[in-house]
Amino acid sequence: MLDMQKGNIVIIGSGLIGRSWAMVFASGGFRVKLYDIVKEQVSAALEDIRKQMEELKKSDMLRGTLNVDEQMSLISGSTELKETLEGAVFIQECVPESLELKRKIFSEIDLHINDETILSSSTSCLSPTKMFNGLKHVKKCIVAHPVNPPYYVPLVELVPHPETEAATVEKTYELMKNIGQSPVKLTKETDGFVLNRLQYAVISEAWRLVEDGVISPRDVDIVMSEGLGMRYAFLGPLETAHLNAEGFKSYCERYGEGIKRVLTTFGPVPEFSGQVAESIDEALWDGELNKEDQLNARRDWRNACLSRLAKLKNEMKNN
């Protein structure tokens, strides 16, 4: 086991991402302290985590070797930051995506941790340089960007600050592997990291296709879920191309000119506002049902699908 097993994992923020991270770490047998500033928020989070675990157990999707009660016994809540940080070996920050808020909480944490504690952020696109500059423990700071929700999607992007020690990256990588996630290492900062750069490219072209009247919002989603998504659940875009020809070089030779021709037609970056946004939004709702109920139902369905897909992928890897 890692040395981290001897200390606590601290989750800063008890929203959806924080709860999911707490479940991931507990499934790996780690003691978890879940921090938030509002006591009722922490209590609600712990209740929701138990509910999620019990549902996962019923569907045989609970991660780890421990049962629900054993995993729940590893998770505690707190509203006192200094007390929460005692014995912390790894901190996963999950507060809202605000640079000012994150810098404020990092400055407070920086006062109460030792030189061995790793401070990690769940930010989806804020740069490590902007978040961690000026901190005393900057060498122990790193971004560990999960995919929402991390319990169901294992990818974690590890993005170091220019002053982050190599040992911090390696320890974080080892920890993520230990709890069943799939970490990747970025060797330098880039705006949006990697997942969001790829995701934004897809969203941008989907928008343009709808705006140009080529396809409906619902059908463009089907192109992904029943087409590209089927491939990409197991293969990335580069290996997909590799297998669609006699190797990647062959793919470039065969399709390169066509790819370049199509890329020149993509047009400017959309504004992501106005009538197109309204038409896409309208197409994605069922107008006769409560919107909050719709979102909750679809999120539950998404999570169930992702759980089953993760199980299938593990079975495929072990065969």
C-alpha atoms as a PDB file:
ATOM      1  CA  MET A   1       0.000   0.000   0.000  1.00  0.00           C
ATOM      2  CA  LEU A   2       1.009   3.635  -0.449  1.00  0.00           C
ATOM      3  CA  ASP A   3       2.337   5.646   2.479  1.00  0.00           C
ATOM      4  CA  MET A   4      -0.784   7.749   1.927  1.00  0.00           C
ATOM      5  CA  GLN A   5      -2.837   4.897   3.347  1.00  0.00           C
ATOM      6  CA  LYS A   6      -1.495   5.935   6.773  1.00  0.00           C
ATOM      7  CA  GLY A   7      -3.016   9.422   6.574  1.00  0.00           C
ATOM      8  CA  ASN A   8      -6.215  11.107   5.492  1.00  0.00           C
ATOM      9  CA  ILE A   9      -7.494  12.115   2.104  1.00  0.00           C
ATOM     10  CA  VAL A  10      -9.199  15.502   2.400  1.00  0.00           C
ATOM     11  CA  ILE A  11     -11.905  16.601  -0.017  1.00  0.00           C
ATOM     12  CA  ILE A  12     -12.505  20.361  -0.064  1.00  0.00           C
ATOM     13  CA  GLY A  13     -16.073  20.969  -1.226  1.00  0.00           C
ATOM     14  CA  SER A  14     -19.037  18.598  -0.859  1.00  0.00           C
ATOM     15  CA  GLY A  15     -20.803  19.173  -4.173  1.00  0.00           C
ATOM     16  CA  LEU A  16     -21.292  16.541  -6.878  1.00  0.00           C
ATOM     17  CA  ILE A  17     -17.574  16.266  -7.721  1.00  0.00           C
ATOM     18  CA  GLY A  18     -16.486  16.247  -4.078  1.00  0.00           C
ATOM     19  CA  ARG A  19     -18.983  13.511  -3.208  1.00  0.00           C
ATOM     20  CA  SER A  20     -17.888  11.396  -6.134  1.00  0.00           C
ATOM     21  CA  TRP A  21     -14.209  11.802  -5.214  1.00  0.00           C
ATOM     22  CA  ALA A  22     -14.997  10.799  -1.616  1.00  0.00           C
ATOM     23  CA  MET A  23     -16.646   7.619  -2.898  1.00  0.00           C
ATOM     24  CA  VAL A  24     -13.688   6.839  -5.154  1.00  0.00           C
ATOM     25  CA  PHE A  25     -11.131   7.181  -2.358  1.00  0.00           C
ATOM     26  CA  ALA A  26     -13.260   5.234   0.130  1.00  0.00           C
ATOM     27  CA  SER A  27     -13.660   2.432  -2.406  1.00  0.00           C
ATOM     28  CA  GLY A  28      -9.867   2.164  -2.371  1.00  0.00           C
ATOM     29  CA  GLY A  29      -9.793   1.818   1.418  1.00  0.00           C
ATOM     30  CA  PHE A  30      -8.617   5.351   2.228  1.00  0.00           C
ATOM     31  CA  ARG A  31      -9.848   7.434   5.159  1.00  0.00           C
ATOM     32  CA  VAL A  32     -11.640  10.478   3.781  1.00  0.00           C
ATOM     33  CA  LYS A  33     -12.528  13.801   5.395  1.00  0.00           C
ATOM     34  CA  LEU A  34     -15.151  15.781   3.482  1.00  0.00           C
ATOM     35  CA  TYR A  35     -15.003  19.515   4.192  1.00  0.00           C
ATOM     36  CA  ASP A  36     -17.483  22.282   3.495  1.00  0.00           C
ATOM     37  CA  ILE A  37     -18.355  25.556   5.202  1.00  0.00           C
ATOM     38  CA  VAL A  38     -22.035  24.687   5.799  1.00  0.00           C
ATOM     39  CA  LYS A  39     -22.851  21.873   8.228  1.00  0.00           C
ATOM     40  CA  GLU A  40     -26.148  21.039   6.502  1.00  0.00           C
ATOM     41  CA  GLN A  41     -24.348  20.703   3.174  1.00  0.00           C
ATOM     42  CA  VAL A  42     -21.914  18.186   4.660  1.00  0.00           C
ATOM     43  CA  SER A  43     -24.726  16.185   6.261  1.00  0.00           C
ATOM     44  CA  ALA A  44     -26.673  16.145   2.993  1.00  0.00           C
ATOM     45  CA  ALA A  45     -23.558  15.017   1.129  1.00  0.00           C
ATOM     46  CA  LEU A  46     -22.951  12.094   3.501  1.00  0.00           C
ATOM     47  CA  GLU A  47     -26.584  11.005   3.201  1.00  0.00           C
ATOM     48  CA  ASP A  48     -26.401  11.199  -0.580  1.00  0.00           C
ATOM     49  CA  ILE A  49     -23.137   9.229  -0.681  1.00  0.00           C
ATOM     50  CA  ARG A  50     -24.699   6.401   1.340  1.00  0.00           C
ATOM     51  CA  LYS A  51     -27.763   6.430  -0.909  1.00  0.00           C
ATOM     52  CA  GLN A  52     -25.577   6.235  -4.016  1.00  0.00           C
ATOM     53  CA  MET A  53     -23.505   3.408  -2.559  1.00  0.00           C
ATOM     54  CA  GLU A  54     -26.577   1.405  -1.612  1.00  0.00           C
ATOM     55  CA  GLU A  55     -27.973   1.803  -5.141  1.00  0.00           C
ATOM     56  CA  LEU A  56     -24.621   0.759  -6.591  1.00  0.00           C
ATOM     57  CA  LYS A  57     -24.569  -2.290  -4.332  1.00  0.00           C
ATOM     58  CA  LYS A  58     -28.043  -3.332  -5.519  1.00  0.00           C
ATOM     59  CA  SER A  59     -26.907  -3.198  -9.139  1.00  0.00           C
ATOM     60  CA  ASP A  60     -23.580  -4.923  -8.347  1.00  0.00           C
ATOM     61  CA  MET A  61     -21.675  -1.795  -9.374  1.00  0.00           C
ATOM     62  CA  LEU A  62     -20.117  -0.823  -6.024  1.00  0.00           C
ATOM     63  CA  ARG A  63     -16.388  -0.321  -6.462  1.00  0.00           C
ATOM     64  CA  GLY A  64     -13.757  -1.885  -4.219  1.00  0.00           C
ATOM     65  CA  THR A  65     -13.687  -4.905  -1.919  1.00  0.00           C
ATOM     66  CA  LEU A  66     -15.349  -3.227   1.086  1.00  0.00           C
ATOM     67  CA  ASN A  67     -19.108  -3.233   1.662  1.00  0.00           C
ATOM     68  CA  VAL A  68     -21.231  -0.093   1.974  1.00  0.00           C
ATOM     69  CA  ASP A  69     -20.968   0.179   5.759  1.00  0.00           C
ATOM     70  CA  GLU A  70     -17.206  -0.348   5.658  1.00  0.00           C
ATOM     71  CA  GLN A  71     -16.757   2.334   3.017  1.00  0.00           C
ATOM     72  CA  MET A  72     -19.064   4.761   4.810  1.00  0.00           C
ATOM     73  CA  SER A  73     -17.103   4.261   8.025  1.00  0.00           C
ATOM     74  CA  LEU A  74     -14.073   5.662   6.213  1.00  0.00           C
ATOM     75  CA  ILE A  75     -15.819   8.946   5.323  1.00  0.00           C
ATOM     76  CA  SER A  76     -16.394  11.725   7.845  1.00  0.00           C
ATOM     77  CA  GLY A  77     -17.521  15.326   7.459  1.00  0.00           C
ATOM     78  CA  SER A  78     -16.183  18.581   8.856  1.00  0.00           C
ATOM     79  CA  THR A  79     -16.738  22.327   8.758  1.00  0.00           C
ATOM     80  CA  GLU A  80     -13.495  23.311  10.505  1.00  0.00           C
ATOM     81  CA  LEU A  81     -10.671  23.626   7.957  1.00  0.00           C
ATOM     82  CA  LYS A  82      -7.674  23.510  10.311  1.00  0.00           C
ATOM     83  CA  GLU A  83      -9.063  20.443  12.082  1.00  0.00           C
ATOM     84  CA  THR A  84      -9.886  18.784   8.767  1.00  0.00           C
ATOM     85  CA  LEU A  85      -6.331  19.197   7.505  1.00  0.00           C
ATOM     86  CA  GLU A  86      -4.725  17.442  10.492  1.00  0.00           C
ATOM     87  CA  GLY A  87      -3.089  14.253   9.238  1.00  0.00           C
ATOM     88  CA  ALA A  88      -3.823  15.069   5.595  1.00  0.00           C
ATOM     89  CA  VAL A  89      -1.513  13.401   3.093  1.00  0.00           C
ATOM     90  CA  PHE A  90      -3.477  14.310  -0.034  1.00  0.00           C
ATOM     91  CA  ILE A  91      -5.998  17.120  -0.575  1.00  0.00           C
ATOM     92  CA  GLN A  92      -8.433  17.172  -3.487  1.00  0.00           C
ATOM     93  CA  GLU A  93     -10.007  20.600  -3.915  1.00  0.00           C
ATOM     94  CA  CYS A  94     -13.510  20.638  -5.446  1.00  0.00           C
ATOM     95  CA  VAL A  95     -14.845  24.165  -4.935  1.00  0.00           C
ATOM     96  CA  PRO A  96     -16.651  26.069  -7.742  1.00  0.00           C
ATOM     97  CA  GLU A  97     -14.659  27.049 -10.844  1.00  0.00           C
ATOM     98  CA  SER A  98     -13.579  30.509  -9.690  1.00  0.00           C
ATOM     99  CA  LEU A  99      -9.911  31.488  -9.729  1.00  0.00           C
ATOM    100  CA  GLU A 100     -10.430  33.979  -6.886  1.00  0.00           C
ATOM    101  CA  LEU A 101     -12.194  31.390  -4.723  1.00  0.00           C
ATOM    102  CA  LYS A 102      -9.627  28.692  -5.410  1.00  0.00           C
ATOM    103  CA  ARG A 103      -6.678  30.993  -4.669  1.00  0.00           C
ATOM    104  CA  LYS A 104      -8.370  32.013  -1.411  1.00  0.00           C
ATOM    105  CA  ILE A 105      -8.876  28.418  -0.240  1.00  0.00           C
ATOM    106  CA  PHE A 106      -5.361  27.384  -1.350  1.00  0.00           C
ATOM    107  CA  SER A 107      -3.842  30.264   0.631  1.00  0.00           C
ATOM    108  CA  GLU A 108      -5.706  29.112   3.735  1.00  0.00           C
ATOM    109  CA  ILE A 109      -4.738  25.460   3.231  1.00  0.00           C
ATOM    110  CA  ASP A 110      -1.106  26.469   2.645  1.00  0.00           C
ATOM    111  CA  LEU A 111      -0.915  27.724   6.238  1.00  0.00           C
ATOM    112  CA  HIS A 112      -1.925  24.399   7.800  1.00  0.00           C
ATOM    113  CA  ILE A 113      -0.147  21.638   5.836  1.00  0.00           C
ATOM    114  CA  ASN A 114       3.330  20.193   6.105  1.00  0.00           C
ATOM    115  CA  ASP A 115       5.994  19.813   3.428  1.00  0.00           C
ATOM    116  CA  GLU A 116       4.815  16.306   2.465  1.00  0.00           C
ATOM    117  CA  THR A 117       1.121  16.945   1.858  1.00  0.00           C
ATOM    118  CA  ILE A 118       0.062  17.070  -1.789  1.00  0.00           C
ATOM    119  CA  LEU A 119      -2.452  19.764  -2.741  1.00  0.00           C
ATOM    120  CA  SER A 120      -4.472  18.873  -5.822  1.00  0.00           C
ATOM    121  CA  SER A 121      -7.187  20.787  -7.685  1.00  0.00           C
ATOM    122  CA  SER A 122     -10.147  19.382  -9.615  1.00  0.00           C
ATOM    123  CA  THR A 123     -10.259  22.448 -11.869  1.00  0.00           C
ATOM    124  CA  SER A 124     -11.347  21.731 -15.423  1.00  0.00           C
ATOM    125  CA  CYS A 125      -9.401  24.517 -17.120  1.00  0.00           C
ATOM    126  CA  LEU A 126      -7.783  27.023 -14.720  1.00  0.00           C
ATOM    127  CA  SER A 127      -4.013  27.006 -15.087  1.00  0.00           C
ATOM    128  CA  PRO A 128      -1.807  25.689 -12.278  1.00  0.00           C
ATOM    129  CA  THR A 129       0.387  28.767 -12.652  1.00  0.00           C
ATOM    130  CA  LYS A 130      -2.477  31.159 -11.903  1.00  0.00           C
ATOM    131  CA  MET A 131      -3.828  29.037  -9.038  1.00  0.00           C
ATOM    132  CA  PHE A 132      -0.623  28.034  -7.237  1.00  0.00           C
ATOM    133  CA  ASN A 133       1.820  30.924  -7.779  1.00  0.00           C
ATOM    134  CA  GLY A 134       3.068  32.332  -4.485  1.00  0.00           C
ATOM    135  CA  LEU A 135       2.159  29.350  -2.320  1.00  0.00           C
ATOM    136  CA  LYS A 136       4.772  28.152   0.138  1.00  0.00           C
ATOM    137  CA  HIS A 137       4.136  24.532  -0.846  1.00  0.00           C
ATOM    138  CA  VAL A 138       3.949  25.100  -4.603  1.00  0.00           C
ATOM    139  CA  LYS A 139       6.255  22.108  -5.218  1.00  0.00           C
ATOM    140  CA  LYS A 140       3.508  19.884  -3.820  1.00  0.00           C
ATOM    141  CA  CYS A 141       0.728  21.405  -5.945  1.00  0.00           C
ATOM    142  CA  ILE A 142      -0.844  19.752  -8.969  1.00  0.00           C
ATOM    143  CA  VAL A 143      -4.073  19.683 -10.951  1.00  0.00           C
ATOM    144  CA  ALA A 144      -5.873  16.326 -10.964  1.00  0.00           C
ATOM    145  CA  HIS A 145      -8.766  17.073 -13.297  1.00  0.00           C
ATOM    146  CA  PRO A 146     -11.415  14.329 -13.228  1.00  0.00           C
ATOM    147  CA  VAL A 147     -14.215  13.652 -15.667  1.00  0.00           C
ATOM    148  CA  ASN A 148     -17.675  14.295 -14.223  1.00  0.00           C
ATOM    149  CA  PRO A 149     -18.571  12.102 -12.389  1.00  0.00           C
ATOM    150  CA  PRO A 150     -15.177  10.609 -11.387  1.00  0.00           C
ATOM    151  CA  TYR A 151     -16.753   7.549  -9.731  1.00  0.00           C
ATOM    152  CA  TYR A 152     -18.096   6.412 -13.098  1.00  0.00           C
ATOM    153  CA  VAL A 153     -15.461   7.787 -15.500  1.00  0.00           C
ATOM    154  CA  PRO A 154     -11.861   6.935 -14.557  1.00  0.00           C
ATOM    155  CA  LEU A 155      -9.809   9.489 -16.525  1.00  0.00           C
ATOM    156  CA  VAL A 156      -7.790  11.996 -14.477  1.00  0.00           C
ATOM    157  CA  GLU A 157      -5.590  14.619 -16.146  1.00  0.00           C
ATOM    158  CA  LEU A 158      -2.492  15.425 -14.084  1.00  0.00           C
ATOM    159  CA  VAL A 159      -1.156  18.907 -14.823  1.00  0.00           C
ATOM    160  CA  PRO A 160       1.862  20.185 -12.866  1.00  0.00           C
ATOM    161  CA  HIS A 161       2.795  23.759 -12.035  1.00  0.00           C
ATOM    162  CA  PRO A 162       6.219  24.656 -13.512  1.00  0.00           C
ATOM    163  CA  GLU A 163       7.669  24.307  -9.981  1.00  0.00           C
ATOM    164  CA  THR A 164       5.872  21.057  -9.094  1.00  0.00           C
ATOM    165  CA  GLU A 165       8.321  18.348  -8.058  1.00  0.00           C
ATOM    166  CA  ALA A 166       8.524  15.241 -10.221  1.00  0.00           C
ATOM    167  CA  ALA A 167       7.888  13.198  -7.063  1.00  0.00           C
ATOM    168  CA  THR A 168       4.541  14.991  -6.587  1.00  0.00           C
ATOM    169  CA  VAL A 169       3.445  13.963 -10.082  1.00  0.00           C
ATOM    170  CA  GLU A 170       4.557  10.361  -9.567  1.00  0.00           C
ATOM    171  CA  LYS A 171       2.911  10.021  -6.150  1.00  0.00           C
ATOM    172  CA  THR A 172      -0.349  11.459  -7.477  1.00  0.00           C
ATOM    173  CA  TYR A 173      -0.174   9.154 -10.491  1.00  0.00           C
ATOM    174  CA  GLU A 174       0.407   6.150  -8.221  1.00  0.00           C
ATOM    175  CA  LEU A 175      -2.464   7.168  -5.943  1.00  0.00           C
ATOM    176  CA  MET A 176      -4.881   7.520  -8.852  1.00  0.00           C
ATOM    177  CA  LYS A 177      -3.902   4.111 -10.211  1.00  0.00           C
ATOM    178  CA  ASN A 178      -4.285   2.646  -6.723  1.00  0.00           C
ATOM    179  CA  ILE A 179      -7.922   3.795  -6.447  1.00  0.00           C
ATOM    180  CA  GLY A 180      -8.834   2.515  -9.903  1.00  0.00           C
ATOM    181  CA  GLN A 181      -8.668   5.746 -11.909  1.00  0.00           C
ATOM    182  CA  SER A 182      -6.864   6.139 -15.253  1.00  0.00           C
ATOM    183  CA  PRO A 183      -4.411   9.040 -14.891  1.00  0.00           C
ATOM    184  CA  VAL A 184      -2.573  10.709 -17.765  1.00  0.00           C
ATOM    185  CA  LYS A 185       0.367  13.093 -17.381  1.00  0.00           C
ATOM    186  CA  LEU A 186       0.522  16.432 -19.180  1.00  0.00           C
ATOM    187  CA  THR A 187       4.126  17.556 -19.503  1.00  0.00           C
ATOM    188  CA  LYS A 188       3.203  21.244 -19.636  1.00  0.00           C
ATOM    189  CA  GLU A 189       0.252  23.579 -19.194  1.00  0.00           C
ATOM    190  CA  THR A 190      -2.095  24.251 -22.094  1.00  0.00           C
ATOM    191  CA  ASP A 191      -5.343  26.179 -21.925  1.00  0.00           C
ATOM    192  CA  GLY A 192      -8.233  23.774 -21.268  1.00  0.00           C
ATOM    193  CA  PHE A 193      -5.841  20.841 -20.747  1.00  0.00           C
ATOM    194  CA  VAL A 194      -6.474  17.947 -23.172  1.00  0.00           C
ATOM    195  CA  LEU A 195      -9.950  16.526 -22.501  1.00  0.00           C
ATOM    196  CA  ASN A 196     -11.661  19.904 -22.793  1.00  0.00           C
ATOM    197  CA  ARG A 197      -9.708  20.902 -25.893  1.00  0.00           C
ATOM    198  CA  LEU A 198     -10.990  17.757 -27.606  1.00  0.00           C
ATOM    199  CA  GLN A 199     -14.472  18.174 -26.143  1.00  0.00           C
ATOM    200  CA  TYR A 200     -14.729  21.840 -27.147  1.00  0.00           C
ATOM    201  CA  ALA A 201     -13.713  20.994 -30.719  1.00  0.00           C
ATOM    202  CA  VAL A 202     -16.607  18.521 -30.931  1.00  0.00           C
ATOM    203  CA  ILE A 203     -19.124  20.885 -29.286  1.00  0.00           C
ATOM    204  CA  SER A 204     -18.038  23.716 -31.573  1.00  0.00           C
ATOM    205  CA  GLU A 205     -18.562  21.720 -34.780  1.00  0.00           C
ATOM    206  CA  ALA A 206     -21.830  20.265 -33.468  1.00  0.00           C
ATOM    207  CA  TRP A 207     -23.039  23.841 -32.933  1.00  0.00           C
ATOM    208  CA  ARG A 208     -22.034  24.898 -36.450  1.00  0.00           C
ATOM    209  CA  LEU A 209     -23.784  21.901 -38.032  1.00  0.00           C
ATOM    210  CA  VAL A 210     -27.001  22.764 -36.182  1.00  0.00           C
ATOM    211  CA  GLU A 211     -26.629  26.482 -36.974  1.00  0.00           C
ATOM    212  CA  ASP A 212     -26.143  25.730 -40.673  1.00  0.00           C
ATOM    213  CA  GLY A 213     -29.282  23.584 -40.754  1.00  0.00           C
ATOM    214  CA  VAL A 214     -27.354  20.406 -41.608  1.00  0.00           C
ATOM    215  CA  ILE A 215     -28.773  18.312 -38.775  1.00  0.00           C
ATOM    216  CA  SER A 216     -31.013  18.567 -35.691  1.00  0.00           C
ATOM    217  CA  PRO A 217     -29.585  18.772 -32.142  1.00  0.00           C
ATOM    218  CA  ARG A 218     -30.978  15.340 -31.261  1.00  0.00           C
ATOM    219  CA  ASP A 219     -29.535  13.737 -34.400  1.00  0.00           C
ATOM    220  CA  VAL A 220     -26.073  15.224 -33.968  1.00  0.00           C
ATOM    221  CA  ASP A 221     -25.999  13.615 -30.510  1.00  0.00           C
ATOM    222  CA  ILE A 222     -26.979  10.279 -32.098  1.00  0.00           C
ATOM    223  CA  VAL A 223     -24.033  10.618 -34.507  1.00  0.00           C
ATOM    224  CA  MET A 224     -21.788  10.658 -31.437  1.00  0.00           C
ATOM    225  CA  SER A 225     -23.548   8.143 -29.167  1.00  0.00           C
ATOM    226  CA  GLU A 226     -24.269   5.565 -31.887  1.00  0.00           C
ATOM    227  CA  GLY A 227     -21.243   6.288 -34.084  1.00  0.00           C
ATOM    228  CA  LEU A 228     -18.019   7.874 -32.893  1.00  0.00           C
ATOM    229  CA  GLY A 229     -18.847   7.239 -29.240  1.00  0.00           C
ATOM    230  CA  MET A 230     -19.080   3.495 -29.873  1.00  0.00           C
ATOM    231  CA  ARG A 231     -15.497   3.515 -31.131  1.00  0.00           C
ATOM    232  CA  TYR A 232     -14.169   5.998 -28.624  1.00  0.00           C
ATOM    233  CA  ALA A 233     -15.446   4.009 -25.643  1.00  0.00           C
ATOM    234  CA  PHE A 234     -12.512   1.672 -26.233  1.00  0.00           C
ATOM    235  CA  LEU A 235     -10.151   3.434 -28.660  1.00  0.00           C
ATOM    236  CA  GLY A 236      -8.890   6.982 -29.006  1.00  0.00           C
ATOM    237  CA  PRO A 237      -9.004   8.979 -32.256  1.00  0.00           C
ATOM    238  CA  LEU A 238      -5.409   8.172 -33.186  1.00  0.00           C
ATOM    239  CA  GLU A 239      -5.711   4.397 -32.817  1.00  0.00           C
ATOM    240  CA  THR A 240      -9.126   4.497 -34.489  1.00  0.00           C
ATOM    241  CA  ALA A 241      -7.446   6.070 -37.523  1.00  0.00           C
ATOM    242  CA  HIS A 242      -4.581   3.574 -37.237  1.00  0.00           C
ATOM    243  CA  LEU A 243      -7.006   0.641 -37.466  1.00  0.00           C
ATOM    244  CA  ASN A 244      -9.077   2.194 -40.253  1.00  0.00           C
ATOM    245  CA  ALA A 245      -6.123   1.894 -42.627  1.00  0.00           C
ATOM    246  CA  GLU A 246      -2.877  -0.063 -42.754  1.00  0.00           C
ATOM    247  CA  GLY A 247      -1.482   1.942 -39.861  1.00  0.00           C
ATOM    248  CA  PHE A 248      -1.557   5.657 -39.014  1.00  0.00           C
ATOM    249  CA  LYS A 249       0.839   6.725 -41.772  1.00  0.00           C
ATOM    250  CA  SER A 250      -1.319   4.864 -44.265  1.00  0.00           C
ATOM    251  CA  TYR A 251      -4.404   6.672 -42.892  1.00  0.00           C
ATOM    252  CA  CYS A 252      -2.735  10.062 -43.382  1.00  0.00           C
ATOM    253  CA  GLU A 253      -1.685   9.181 -46.921  1.00  0.00           C
ATOM    254  CA  ARG A 254      -5.150   7.879 -47.766  1.00  0.00           C
ATOM    255  CA  TYR A 255      -7.342  10.495 -46.084  1.00  0.00           C
ATOM    256  CA  GLY A 256      -5.067  13.461 -45.337  1.00  0.00           C
ATOM    257  CA  GLU A 257      -6.132  15.621 -48.271  1.00  0.00           C
ATOM    258  CA  GLY A 258      -9.818  15.041 -47.547  1.00  0.00           C
ATOM    259  CA  ILE A 259      -9.334  15.879 -43.879  1.00  0.00           C
ATOM    260  CA  LYS A 260      -7.578  19.139 -44.714  1.00  0.00           C
ATOM    261  CA  ARG A 261     -10.303  20.064 -47.215  1.00  0.00           C
ATOM    262  CA  VAL A 262     -13.083  19.524 -44.676  1.00  0.00           C
ATOM    263  CA  LEU A 263     -11.201  21.345 -41.907  1.00  0.00           C
ATOM    264  CA  THR A 264     -11.029  24.499 -44.028  1.00  0.00           C
ATOM    265  CA  THR A 265     -14.849  24.623 -44.000  1.00  0.00           C
ATOM    266  CA  PHE A 266     -15.252  24.619 -40.218  1.00  0.00           C
ATOM    267  CA  GLY A 267     -15.709  28.377 -39.899  1.00  0.00           C
ATOM    268  CA  PRO A 268     -15.169  30.747 -36.943  1.00  0.00           C
ATOM    269  CA  VAL A 269     -15.561  29.940 -33.266  1.00  0.00           C
ATOM    270  CA  PRO A 270     -19.280  30.193 -32.339  1.00  0.00           C
ATOM    271  CA  GLU A 271     -20.531  32.781 -29.852  1.00  0.00           C
ATOM    272  CA  PHE A 272     -22.483  30.079 -27.951  1.00  0.00           C
ATOM    273  CA  SER A 273     -25.420  32.391 -27.370  1.00  0.00           C
ATOM    274  CA  GLY A 274     -28.563  33.662 -29.056  1.00  0.00           C
ATOM    275  CA  GLN A 275     -31.153  31.786 -31.103  1.00  0.00           C
ATOM    276  CA  VAL A 276     -29.014  28.717 -31.782  1.00  0.00           C
ATOM    277  CA  ALA A 277     -28.415  28.192 -28.064  1.00  0.00           C
ATOM    278  CA  GLU A 278     -32.155  28.538 -27.429  1.00  0.00           C
ATOM    279  CA  SER A 279     -33.088  26.081 -30.195  1.00  0.00           C
ATOM    280  CA  ILE A 280     -30.588  23.469 -28.990  1.00  0.00           C
ATOM    281  CA  ASP A 281     -31.729  23.917 -25.385  1.00  0.00           C
ATOM    282  CA  GLU A 282     -35.378  23.536 -26.395  1.00  0.00           C
ATOM    283  CA  ALA A 283     -34.623  20.395 -28.405  1.00  0.00           C
ATOM    284  CA  LEU A 284     -32.957  18.717 -25.430  1.00  0.00           C
ATOM    285  CA  TRP A 285     -35.874  19.170 -23.007  1.00  0.00           C
ATOM    286  CA  ASP A 286     -39.115  17.224 -22.826  1.00  0.00           C
ATOM    287  CA  GLY A 287     -41.455  20.187 -22.499  1.00  0.00           C
ATOM    288  CA  GLU A 288     -44.135  18.279 -20.568  1.00  0.00           C
ATOM    289  CA  LEU A 289     -41.910  17.181 -17.683  1.00  0.00           C
ATOM    290  CA  ASN A 290     -40.303  19.012 -14.760  1.00  0.00           C
ATOM    291  CA  LYS A 291     -36.813  20.121 -15.828  1.00  0.00           C
ATOM    292  CA  GLU A 292     -35.083  19.207 -12.566  1.00  0.00           C
ATOM    293  CA  ASP A 293     -36.684  15.760 -12.648  1.00  0.00           C
ATOM    294  CA  GLN A 294     -35.522  15.328 -16.241  1.00  0.00           C
ATOM    295  CA  LEU A 295     -31.937  16.202 -15.390  1.00  0.00           C
ATOM    296  CA  ASN A 296     -31.859  13.913 -12.364  1.00  0.00           C
ATOM    297  CA  ALA A 297     -33.384  11.020 -14.297  1.00  0.00           C
ATOM    298  CA  ARG A 298     -30.991  11.407 -17.231  1.00  0.00           C
ATOM    299  CA  ARG A 299     -27.994  11.754 -14.924  1.00  0.00           C
ATOM    300  CA  ASP A 300     -28.995   8.563 -13.113  1.00  0.00           C
ATOM    301  CA  TRP A 301     -29.390   6.816 -16.476  1.00  0.00           C
ATOM    302  CA  ARG A 302     -26.015   8.160 -17.638  1.00  0.00           C
ATOM    303  CA  ASN A 303     -24.309   6.971 -14.461  1.00  0.00           C
ATOM    304  CA  ALA A 304     -25.878   3.512 -14.763  1.00  0.00           C
ATOM    305  CA  CYS A 305     -24.690   3.280 -18.368  1.00  0.00           C
ATOM    306  CA  LEU A 306     -21.194   4.398 -17.424  1.00  0.00           C
ATOM    307  CA  SER A 307     -21.047   1.865 -14.573  1.00  0.00           C
ATOM    308  CA  ARG A 308     -21.987  -0.970 -16.883  1.00  0.00           C
ATOM    309  CA  LEU A 309     -19.571   0.228 -19.535  1.00  0.00           C
ATOM    310  CA  ALA A 310     -16.757   0.427 -16.978  1.00  0.00           C
ATOM    311  CA  LYS A 311     -17.552  -3.112 -15.865  1.00  0.00           C
ATOM    312  CA  LEU A 312     -17.530  -4.339 -19.463  1.00  0.00           C
ATOM    313  CA  LYS A 313     -14.226  -2.611 -20.179  1.00  0.00           C
ATOM    314  CA  ASN A 314     -12.625  -4.217 -17.120  1.00  0.00           C
ATOM    315  CA  GLU A 315     -13.886  -7.619 -18.245  1.00  0.00           C
ATOM    316  CA  MET A 316     -12.512  -7.037 -21.740  1.00  0.00           C
ATOM    317  CA  LYS A 317      -9.111  -6.017 -20.364  1.00  0.00           C
ATOM    318  CA  ASN A 318      -8.936  -9.120 -18.166  1.00  0.00           C
ATOM    319  CA  ASN A 319      -9.849 -11.531 -20.973  1.00  0.00           C
END
